[in-house]
Amino acid sequence: MSETRPKRGQRSSADDFEDPLSNYSPAEYDGELDRALAESTVSAMQHTPVATISPDQTVADVMQTMADNSYFGLLVVEEGKLIGIFTERDVLNKIVDEYNTKKDHPIRLYMTPDPVRVYNTDCPAKAINVMAVGGFRRVPVLDMEDRVVGIIGPKRTVRFLQKYIE
């Protein structure tokens, strides 16, 4: 029996409608950890607040801030939006050999631009995947308006996972 479809511009009747979710069956999980990784949000990982800097701050000022506060790095924010990250890796790879000539330059020249990020509404599995696959120890967390709300790293990730591991 052939299916009759309405021609272009014609409406189909309500009887022709088939709900695309009618055959949906919910995901099955092996345990609470699997469920939490898929259905929780990054917010449940209790991301920590993070210090931010302006892209126009000098290398010397930023490195002093990092040293004084034992920061691994700082998020670079301009007009409320994340534009980069400056970490100890950037210090080692881009600054240390020529510190005296670079110390008065703006950090925007040496930051890692457009860093990988996750949103507070993403599932924890995505955040963990981003860190593992990308080789990142920490990942910025943004809200739906792209404002920085925190950062997640190994300690917060382990604390989240420990809640579900016997």
N, C-alpha and C. Protein backbone atom coordinates (compact mmCIF):
# COMPACT_ATOMS: atom_id res chain seq x y z
N MET A 1 0.85 -1.17 0.00
CA MET A 1 0.00 0.00 0.00
C MET A 1 0.90 1.24 0.00
N SER A 2 0.68 2.11 -0.91
CA SER A 2 1.52 3.31 -0.98
C SER A 2 0.98 4.39 -0.05
N GLU A 3 1.92 5.17 0.46
CA GLU A 3 1.56 6.23 1.40
C GLU A 3 1.24 7.49 0.60
N THR A 4 0.14 8.12 0.91
CA THR A 4 -0.24 9.33 0.22
C THR A 4 0.19 10.52 1.06
N ARG A 5 0.99 11.36 0.49
CA ARG A 5 1.45 12.56 1.17
C ARG A 5 0.80 13.77 0.54
N PRO A 6 0.56 14.79 1.34
CA PRO A 6 -0.04 16.00 0.74
C PRO A 6 0.95 16.65 -0.22
N LYS A 7 0.41 17.27 -1.23
CA LYS A 7 1.25 17.98 -2.19
C LYS A 7 1.74 19.26 -1.55
N ARG A 8 2.76 19.82 -2.14
CA ARG A 8 3.33 21.06 -1.63
C ARG A 8 2.23 22.11 -1.51
N GLY A 9 2.19 22.76 -0.34
CA GLY A 9 1.19 23.78 -0.10
C GLY A 9 -0.08 23.25 0.53
N GLN A 10 -0.30 21.94 0.48
CA GLN A 10 -1.48 21.35 1.11
C GLN A 10 -1.15 20.93 2.53
N ARG A 11 -2.14 21.01 3.38
CA ARG A 11 -1.95 20.58 4.76
C ARG A 11 -2.34 19.11 4.90
N SER A 12 -1.64 18.45 5.79
CA SER A 12 -2.02 17.07 6.08
C SER A 12 -3.03 17.09 7.21
N SER A 13 -3.78 16.06 7.31
CA SER A 13 -4.79 15.99 8.38
C SER A 13 -4.11 15.56 9.67
N ALA A 14 -4.80 15.79 10.78
CA ALA A 14 -4.28 15.41 12.10
C ALA A 14 -4.06 13.91 12.16
N ASP A 15 -4.81 13.15 11.40
CA ASP A 15 -4.66 11.69 11.40
C ASP A 15 -3.34 11.26 10.78
N ASP A 16 -2.75 12.11 9.96
CA ASP A 16 -1.49 11.77 9.30
C ASP A 16 -0.27 12.04 10.19
N PHE A 17 -0.48 12.76 11.27
CA PHE A 17 0.63 13.13 12.14
C PHE A 17 1.13 11.93 12.94
N GLU A 18 2.45 11.73 12.94
CA GLU A 18 3.06 10.69 13.77
C GLU A 18 4.07 11.36 14.69
N ASP A 19 3.86 11.24 15.96
CA ASP A 19 4.74 11.84 16.96
C ASP A 19 6.12 11.18 16.87
N PRO A 20 7.17 11.96 16.60
CA PRO A 20 8.51 11.37 16.47
C PRO A 20 9.02 10.77 17.78
N LEU A 21 8.42 11.14 18.90
CA LEU A 21 8.85 10.60 20.18
C LEU A 21 7.98 9.44 20.65
N SER A 22 7.07 9.00 19.82
CA SER A 22 6.16 7.94 20.25
C SER A 22 6.88 6.63 20.54
N ASN A 23 7.98 6.40 19.91
CA ASN A 23 8.74 5.17 20.14
C ASN A 23 9.94 5.39 21.04
N TYR A 24 9.98 6.52 21.71
CA TYR A 24 11.11 6.87 22.57
C TYR A 24 11.10 6.00 23.82
N SER A 25 12.24 5.47 24.13
CA SER A 25 12.39 4.78 25.41
C SER A 25 13.54 5.45 26.14
N PRO A 26 13.37 5.74 27.41
CA PRO A 26 14.41 6.45 28.15
C PRO A 26 15.71 5.65 28.23
N ALA A 27 16.79 6.37 28.39
CA ALA A 27 18.10 5.74 28.49
C ALA A 27 18.16 4.83 29.71
N GLU A 28 18.88 3.75 29.55
CA GLU A 28 19.09 2.84 30.68
C GLU A 28 20.54 2.99 31.10
N TYR A 29 20.76 3.07 32.40
CA TYR A 29 22.10 3.28 32.94
C TYR A 29 22.53 2.09 33.77
N ASP A 30 23.82 1.86 33.82
CA ASP A 30 24.36 0.75 34.61
C ASP A 30 24.39 1.08 36.10
N GLY A 31 24.26 2.34 36.45
CA GLY A 31 24.28 2.71 37.85
C GLY A 31 24.08 4.20 38.01
N GLU A 32 24.12 4.65 39.26
CA GLU A 32 23.90 6.07 39.55
C GLU A 32 25.00 6.96 38.99
N LEU A 33 26.23 6.45 38.94
CA LEU A 33 27.32 7.24 38.36
C LEU A 33 27.04 7.52 36.90
N ASP A 34 26.67 6.50 36.15
CA ASP A 34 26.35 6.70 34.73
C ASP A 34 25.22 7.70 34.56
N ARG A 35 24.19 7.57 35.39
CA ARG A 35 23.06 8.50 35.32
C ARG A 35 23.52 9.93 35.62
N ALA A 36 24.32 10.09 36.66
CA ALA A 36 24.79 11.43 37.05
C ALA A 36 25.66 12.05 35.96
N LEU A 37 26.51 11.26 35.34
CA LEU A 37 27.38 11.78 34.28
C LEU A 37 26.58 12.26 33.08
N ALA A 38 25.46 11.60 32.81
CA ALA A 38 24.66 11.94 31.63
C ALA A 38 23.56 12.96 31.92
N GLU A 39 22.99 12.93 33.13
CA GLU A 39 21.81 13.75 33.38
C GLU A 39 22.03 14.92 34.32
N SER A 40 23.11 14.93 35.08
CA SER A 40 23.41 16.08 35.93
C SER A 40 23.96 17.21 35.06
N THR A 41 24.29 18.30 35.69
CA THR A 41 24.91 19.41 34.96
C THR A 41 26.26 19.73 35.58
N VAL A 42 27.05 20.47 34.84
CA VAL A 42 28.36 20.90 35.34
C VAL A 42 28.19 21.68 36.64
N SER A 43 27.07 22.36 36.82
CA SER A 43 26.82 23.07 38.07
C SER A 43 26.87 22.13 39.27
N ALA A 44 26.47 20.88 39.08
CA ALA A 44 26.50 19.90 40.17
C ALA A 44 27.93 19.54 40.56
N MET A 45 28.88 19.86 39.72
CA MET A 45 30.28 19.59 40.02
C MET A 45 30.86 20.67 40.92
N GLN A 46 30.07 21.64 41.26
CA GLN A 46 30.47 22.74 42.15
C GLN A 46 31.74 23.42 41.66
N HIS A 47 31.67 23.93 40.44
CA HIS A 47 32.80 24.66 39.89
C HIS A 47 33.17 25.81 40.82
N THR A 48 34.42 26.13 40.85
CA THR A 48 34.89 27.16 41.77
C THR A 48 34.95 28.51 41.08
N PRO A 49 34.77 29.57 41.84
CA PRO A 49 34.97 30.90 41.26
C PRO A 49 36.41 31.01 40.79
N VAL A 50 36.63 31.89 39.89
CA VAL A 50 37.97 32.02 39.32
C VAL A 50 38.31 33.50 39.17
N ALA A 51 39.57 33.79 39.29
CA ALA A 51 40.04 35.16 39.11
C ALA A 51 40.14 35.47 37.62
N THR A 52 39.80 36.69 37.27
CA THR A 52 39.88 37.11 35.88
C THR A 52 40.77 38.35 35.78
N ILE A 53 41.27 38.55 34.58
CA ILE A 53 42.13 39.71 34.31
C ILE A 53 41.71 40.35 33.00
N SER A 54 42.18 41.56 32.82
CA SER A 54 41.95 42.30 31.58
C SER A 54 43.05 41.93 30.59
N PRO A 55 42.76 41.91 29.31
CA PRO A 55 43.79 41.58 28.32
C PRO A 55 44.88 42.65 28.22
N ASP A 56 44.62 43.82 28.82
CA ASP A 56 45.61 44.90 28.75
C ASP A 56 46.57 44.94 29.94
N GLN A 57 46.35 44.07 30.92
CA GLN A 57 47.28 44.02 32.05
C GLN A 57 48.63 43.53 31.55
N THR A 58 49.68 43.98 32.22
CA THR A 58 51.02 43.61 31.77
C THR A 58 51.38 42.20 32.23
N VAL A 59 52.32 41.63 31.53
CA VAL A 59 52.84 40.31 31.88
C VAL A 59 53.33 40.31 33.32
N ALA A 60 54.08 41.35 33.70
CA ALA A 60 54.62 41.41 35.06
C ALA A 60 53.51 41.43 36.10
N ASP A 61 52.47 42.24 35.89
CA ASP A 61 51.36 42.32 36.84
C ASP A 61 50.62 40.98 36.95
N VAL A 62 50.39 40.34 35.83
CA VAL A 62 49.67 39.08 35.83
C VAL A 62 50.49 38.00 36.53
N MET A 63 51.77 37.93 36.23
CA MET A 63 52.62 36.92 36.87
C MET A 63 52.73 37.18 38.37
N GLN A 64 52.75 38.43 38.78
CA GLN A 64 52.78 38.75 40.21
C GLN A 64 51.49 38.31 40.89
N THR A 65 50.37 38.55 40.24
CA THR A 65 49.07 38.11 40.77
C THR A 65 49.04 36.59 40.91
N MET A 66 49.54 35.90 39.90
CA MET A 66 49.58 34.44 39.95
C MET A 66 50.46 33.97 41.11
N ALA A 67 51.62 34.57 41.27
CA ALA A 67 52.56 34.16 42.33
C ALA A 67 51.99 34.48 43.72
N ASP A 68 51.43 35.67 43.89
CA ASP A 68 50.90 36.08 45.20
C ASP A 68 49.74 35.22 45.67
N ASN A 69 48.96 34.69 44.73
CA ASN A 69 47.75 33.94 45.08
C ASN A 69 47.84 32.45 44.79
N SER A 70 49.00 31.99 44.36
CA SER A 70 49.19 30.58 43.99
C SER A 70 48.17 30.12 42.95
N TYR A 71 47.90 30.98 41.95
CA TYR A 71 46.97 30.63 40.88
C TYR A 71 47.71 29.84 39.82
N PHE A 72 47.03 28.84 39.27
CA PHE A 72 47.56 28.06 38.14
C PHE A 72 47.53 28.91 36.87
N GLY A 73 46.59 29.84 36.84
CA GLY A 73 46.38 30.67 35.67
C GLY A 73 45.19 31.58 35.90
N LEU A 74 44.92 32.41 34.94
CA LEU A 74 43.84 33.38 35.05
C LEU A 74 43.06 33.43 33.74
N LEU A 75 41.76 33.65 33.87
CA LEU A 75 40.94 33.80 32.68
C LEU A 75 40.99 35.26 32.24
N VAL A 76 41.12 35.46 30.95
CA VAL A 76 41.20 36.80 30.38
C VAL A 76 39.82 37.17 29.86
N VAL A 77 39.26 38.24 30.43
CA VAL A 77 37.89 38.64 30.13
C VAL A 77 37.89 40.08 29.61
N GLU A 78 37.14 40.28 28.54
CA GLU A 78 37.00 41.62 27.97
C GLU A 78 35.51 41.86 27.73
N GLU A 79 35.01 42.98 28.25
CA GLU A 79 33.60 43.33 28.13
C GLU A 79 32.70 42.19 28.60
N GLY A 80 33.11 41.53 29.67
CA GLY A 80 32.32 40.46 30.27
C GLY A 80 32.40 39.11 29.58
N LYS A 81 33.17 39.02 28.52
CA LYS A 81 33.27 37.77 27.76
C LYS A 81 34.67 37.16 27.86
N LEU A 82 34.71 35.83 27.93
CA LEU A 82 35.98 35.11 27.98
C LEU A 82 36.64 35.20 26.62
N ILE A 83 37.87 35.73 26.59
CA ILE A 83 38.59 35.80 25.32
C ILE A 83 39.89 35.00 25.35
N GLY A 84 40.33 34.60 26.55
CA GLY A 84 41.57 33.85 26.62
C GLY A 84 41.82 33.30 28.01
N ILE A 85 42.92 32.58 28.11
CA ILE A 85 43.38 32.05 29.38
C ILE A 85 44.89 32.17 29.40
N PHE A 86 45.43 32.49 30.55
CA PHE A 86 46.88 32.59 30.71
C PHE A 86 47.27 31.71 31.88
N THR A 87 48.07 30.68 31.61
CA THR A 87 48.41 29.69 32.63
C THR A 87 49.92 29.58 32.80
N GLU A 88 50.29 28.73 33.77
CA GLU A 88 51.71 28.51 33.99
C GLU A 88 52.38 27.91 32.76
N ARG A 89 51.63 27.19 31.94
CA ARG A 89 52.19 26.67 30.69
C ARG A 89 52.56 27.81 29.75
N ASP A 90 51.72 28.85 29.71
CA ASP A 90 52.03 30.01 28.88
C ASP A 90 53.29 30.70 29.39
N VAL A 91 53.44 30.78 30.70
CA VAL A 91 54.65 31.38 31.29
C VAL A 91 55.87 30.61 30.81
N LEU A 92 55.82 29.29 30.95
CA LEU A 92 56.97 28.47 30.58
C LEU A 92 57.25 28.47 29.08
N ASN A 93 56.20 28.41 28.28
CA ASN A 93 56.38 28.30 26.84
C ASN A 93 56.59 29.62 26.11
N LYS A 94 56.10 30.73 26.69
CA LYS A 94 56.12 31.98 25.94
C LYS A 94 56.85 33.13 26.62
N ILE A 95 57.09 33.04 27.92
CA ILE A 95 57.61 34.19 28.65
C ILE A 95 58.98 33.98 29.26
N VAL A 96 59.18 32.89 29.93
CA VAL A 96 60.30 32.71 30.84
C VAL A 96 61.67 33.03 30.23
N ASP A 97 61.92 32.64 29.00
CA ASP A 97 63.23 32.89 28.40
C ASP A 97 63.48 34.36 28.06
N GLU A 98 62.42 35.14 27.92
CA GLU A 98 62.57 36.54 27.54
C GLU A 98 61.77 37.46 28.45
N TYR A 99 61.69 37.11 29.71
CA TYR A 99 60.87 37.86 30.65
C TYR A 99 61.17 39.35 30.64
N ASN A 100 62.44 39.72 30.69
CA ASN A 100 62.80 41.15 30.78
C ASN A 100 62.33 41.96 29.58
N THR A 101 62.25 41.35 28.41
CA THR A 101 61.78 42.10 27.24
C THR A 101 60.26 42.04 27.09
N LYS A 102 59.61 41.10 27.77
CA LYS A 102 58.17 40.93 27.61
C LYS A 102 57.35 41.40 28.81
N LYS A 103 57.99 41.70 29.92
CA LYS A 103 57.26 41.97 31.16
C LYS A 103 56.31 43.16 31.10
N ASP A 104 56.57 44.13 30.23
CA ASP A 104 55.70 45.30 30.13
C ASP A 104 54.68 45.20 29.00
N HIS A 105 54.67 44.08 28.30
CA HIS A 105 53.71 43.87 27.21
C HIS A 105 52.35 43.46 27.78
N PRO A 106 51.28 43.73 27.04
CA PRO A 106 49.95 43.29 27.51
C PRO A 106 49.83 41.76 27.41
N ILE A 107 49.12 41.20 28.34
CA ILE A 107 48.98 39.74 28.41
C ILE A 107 48.27 39.18 27.18
N ARG A 108 47.49 40.01 26.50
CA ARG A 108 46.77 39.53 25.31
C ARG A 108 47.73 38.97 24.25
N LEU A 109 48.99 39.41 24.27
CA LEU A 109 49.96 38.91 23.29
C LEU A 109 50.41 37.49 23.59
N TYR A 110 50.24 37.04 24.82
CA TYR A 110 50.79 35.75 25.24
C TYR A 110 49.74 34.77 25.79
N MET A 111 48.52 35.23 25.93
CA MET A 111 47.45 34.34 26.42
C MET A 111 47.13 33.31 25.35
N THR A 112 46.46 32.26 25.76
CA THR A 112 45.91 31.30 24.81
C THR A 112 44.51 31.82 24.47
N PRO A 113 44.30 32.25 23.22
CA PRO A 113 43.00 32.83 22.87
C PRO A 113 41.91 31.78 22.73
N ASP A 114 40.68 32.21 22.94
CA ASP A 114 39.49 31.40 22.71
C ASP A 114 39.62 29.99 23.30
N PRO A 115 39.79 29.91 24.62
CA PRO A 115 40.00 28.59 25.23
C PRO A 115 38.76 27.70 25.15
N VAL A 116 39.00 26.41 25.18
CA VAL A 116 37.90 25.45 25.25
C VAL A 116 37.16 25.71 26.55
N ARG A 117 35.84 25.63 26.50
CA ARG A 117 35.04 25.90 27.68
C ARG A 117 33.85 24.97 27.69
N VAL A 118 33.20 24.89 28.84
CA VAL A 118 31.94 24.17 28.96
C VAL A 118 30.93 25.12 29.56
N TYR A 119 29.67 24.75 29.45
CA TYR A 119 28.60 25.57 30.01
C TYR A 119 28.07 24.89 31.28
N ASN A 120 27.57 25.71 32.19
CA ASN A 120 27.08 25.15 33.45
C ASN A 120 25.88 24.22 33.24
N THR A 121 25.28 24.24 32.07
CA THR A 121 24.16 23.35 31.77
C THR A 121 24.60 22.07 31.04
N ASP A 122 25.87 21.98 30.66
CA ASP A 122 26.39 20.76 30.03
C ASP A 122 26.41 19.62 31.05
N CYS A 123 26.41 18.40 30.57
CA CYS A 123 26.49 17.26 31.48
C CYS A 123 27.95 17.07 31.93
N PRO A 124 28.14 16.51 33.11
CA PRO A 124 29.50 16.27 33.61
C PRO A 124 30.33 15.40 32.67
N ALA A 125 29.70 14.45 31.99
CA ALA A 125 30.45 13.59 31.06
C ALA A 125 31.13 14.43 29.98
N LYS A 126 30.45 15.46 29.51
CA LYS A 126 31.06 16.33 28.50
C LYS A 126 32.26 17.06 29.07
N ALA A 127 32.13 17.60 30.27
CA ALA A 127 33.23 18.33 30.89
C ALA A 127 34.45 17.42 31.09
N ILE A 128 34.21 16.22 31.57
CA ILE A 128 35.31 15.28 31.79
C ILE A 128 35.93 14.88 30.46
N ASN A 129 35.11 14.68 29.45
CA ASN A 129 35.62 14.36 28.12
C ASN A 129 36.47 15.49 27.55
N VAL A 130 36.01 16.71 27.71
CA VAL A 130 36.76 17.87 27.22
C VAL A 130 38.14 17.92 27.87
N MET A 131 38.18 17.69 29.18
CA MET A 131 39.47 17.72 29.88
C MET A 131 40.36 16.57 29.44
N ALA A 132 39.80 15.37 29.34
CA ALA A 132 40.60 14.19 29.00
C ALA A 132 41.11 14.24 27.57
N VAL A 133 40.21 14.49 26.63
CA VAL A 133 40.60 14.48 25.22
C VAL A 133 41.50 15.66 24.88
N GLY A 134 41.19 16.83 25.45
CA GLY A 134 41.99 18.01 25.16
C GLY A 134 43.27 18.10 25.95
N GLY A 135 43.41 17.27 26.98
CA GLY A 135 44.62 17.32 27.81
C GLY A 135 44.65 18.54 28.72
N PHE A 136 43.46 19.04 29.10
CA PHE A 136 43.38 20.22 29.96
C PHE A 136 43.19 19.81 31.40
N ARG A 137 43.90 20.47 32.30
CA ARG A 137 43.71 20.21 33.72
C ARG A 137 42.51 20.97 34.25
N ARG A 138 42.22 22.10 33.67
CA ARG A 138 41.10 22.92 34.11
C ARG A 138 40.39 23.50 32.89
N VAL A 139 39.07 23.66 33.05
CA VAL A 139 38.27 24.17 31.95
C VAL A 139 37.33 25.25 32.49
N PRO A 140 37.28 26.40 31.83
CA PRO A 140 36.35 27.46 32.25
C PRO A 140 34.90 27.02 32.10
N VAL A 141 34.06 27.51 33.01
CA VAL A 141 32.62 27.23 32.97
C VAL A 141 31.91 28.56 32.72
N LEU A 142 31.03 28.57 31.72
CA LEU A 142 30.28 29.77 31.36
C LEU A 142 28.79 29.52 31.57
N ASP A 143 28.04 30.62 31.74
CA ASP A 143 26.59 30.50 31.79
C ASP A 143 26.06 30.66 30.37
N MET A 144 24.76 30.62 30.21
CA MET A 144 24.17 30.67 28.88
C MET A 144 24.32 32.03 28.19
N GLU A 145 24.74 33.03 28.95
CA GLU A 145 25.01 34.35 28.35
C GLU A 145 26.51 34.52 28.08
N ASP A 146 27.25 33.42 28.15
CA ASP A 146 28.70 33.40 27.92
C ASP A 146 29.50 34.17 28.96
N ARG A 147 28.95 34.34 30.16
CA ARG A 147 29.70 34.97 31.25
C ARG A 147 30.41 33.88 32.05
N VAL A 148 31.61 34.19 32.50
CA VAL A 148 32.39 33.25 33.30
C VAL A 148 31.71 33.08 34.66
N VAL A 149 31.47 31.82 35.03
CA VAL A 149 30.90 31.54 36.36
C VAL A 149 31.84 30.71 37.21
N GLY A 150 32.88 30.17 36.63
CA GLY A 150 33.82 29.39 37.41
C GLY A 150 34.76 28.58 36.55
N ILE A 151 35.34 27.59 37.18
CA ILE A 151 36.29 26.71 36.50
C ILE A 151 36.20 25.35 37.16
N ILE A 152 36.37 24.30 36.37
CA ILE A 152 36.42 22.97 36.96
C ILE A 152 37.77 22.36 36.68
N GLY A 153 38.20 21.55 37.60
CA GLY A 153 39.50 20.89 37.48
C GLY A 153 39.47 19.54 38.14
N PRO A 154 40.63 18.97 38.35
CA PRO A 154 40.70 17.61 38.87
C PRO A 154 40.07 17.42 40.25
N LYS A 155 40.28 18.33 41.17
CA LYS A 155 39.73 18.16 42.52
C LYS A 155 38.21 18.13 42.51
N ARG A 156 37.59 19.07 41.83
CA ARG A 156 36.12 19.12 41.76
C ARG A 156 35.57 17.91 41.02
N THR A 157 36.28 17.47 40.00
CA THR A 157 35.83 16.31 39.25
C THR A 157 35.86 15.06 40.12
N VAL A 158 36.95 14.88 40.85
CA VAL A 158 37.06 13.71 41.74
C VAL A 158 36.00 13.76 42.83
N ARG A 159 35.77 14.93 43.42
CA ARG A 159 34.73 15.05 44.45
C ARG A 159 33.36 14.68 43.90
N PHE A 160 33.07 15.10 42.70
CA PHE A 160 31.79 14.76 42.07
C PHE A 160 31.68 13.25 41.88
N LEU A 161 32.74 12.63 41.36
CA LEU A 161 32.71 11.19 41.09
C LEU A 161 32.64 10.37 42.38
N GLN A 162 33.31 10.84 43.43
CA GLN A 162 33.32 10.11 44.70
C GLN A 162 31.93 9.94 45.29
N LYS A 163 31.04 10.85 45.02
CA LYS A 163 29.67 10.74 45.53
C LYS A 163 28.97 9.48 45.02
N TYR A 164 29.41 8.97 43.88
CA TYR A 164 28.72 7.86 43.24
C TYR A 164 29.53 6.56 43.24
N ILE A 165 30.74 6.62 43.73
CA ILE A 165 31.59 5.43 43.77
C ILE A 165 31.51 4.82 45.16
N GLU A 166 31.26 3.55 45.20
CA GLU A 166 31.12 2.87 46.50
C GLU A 166 32.46 2.77 47.20
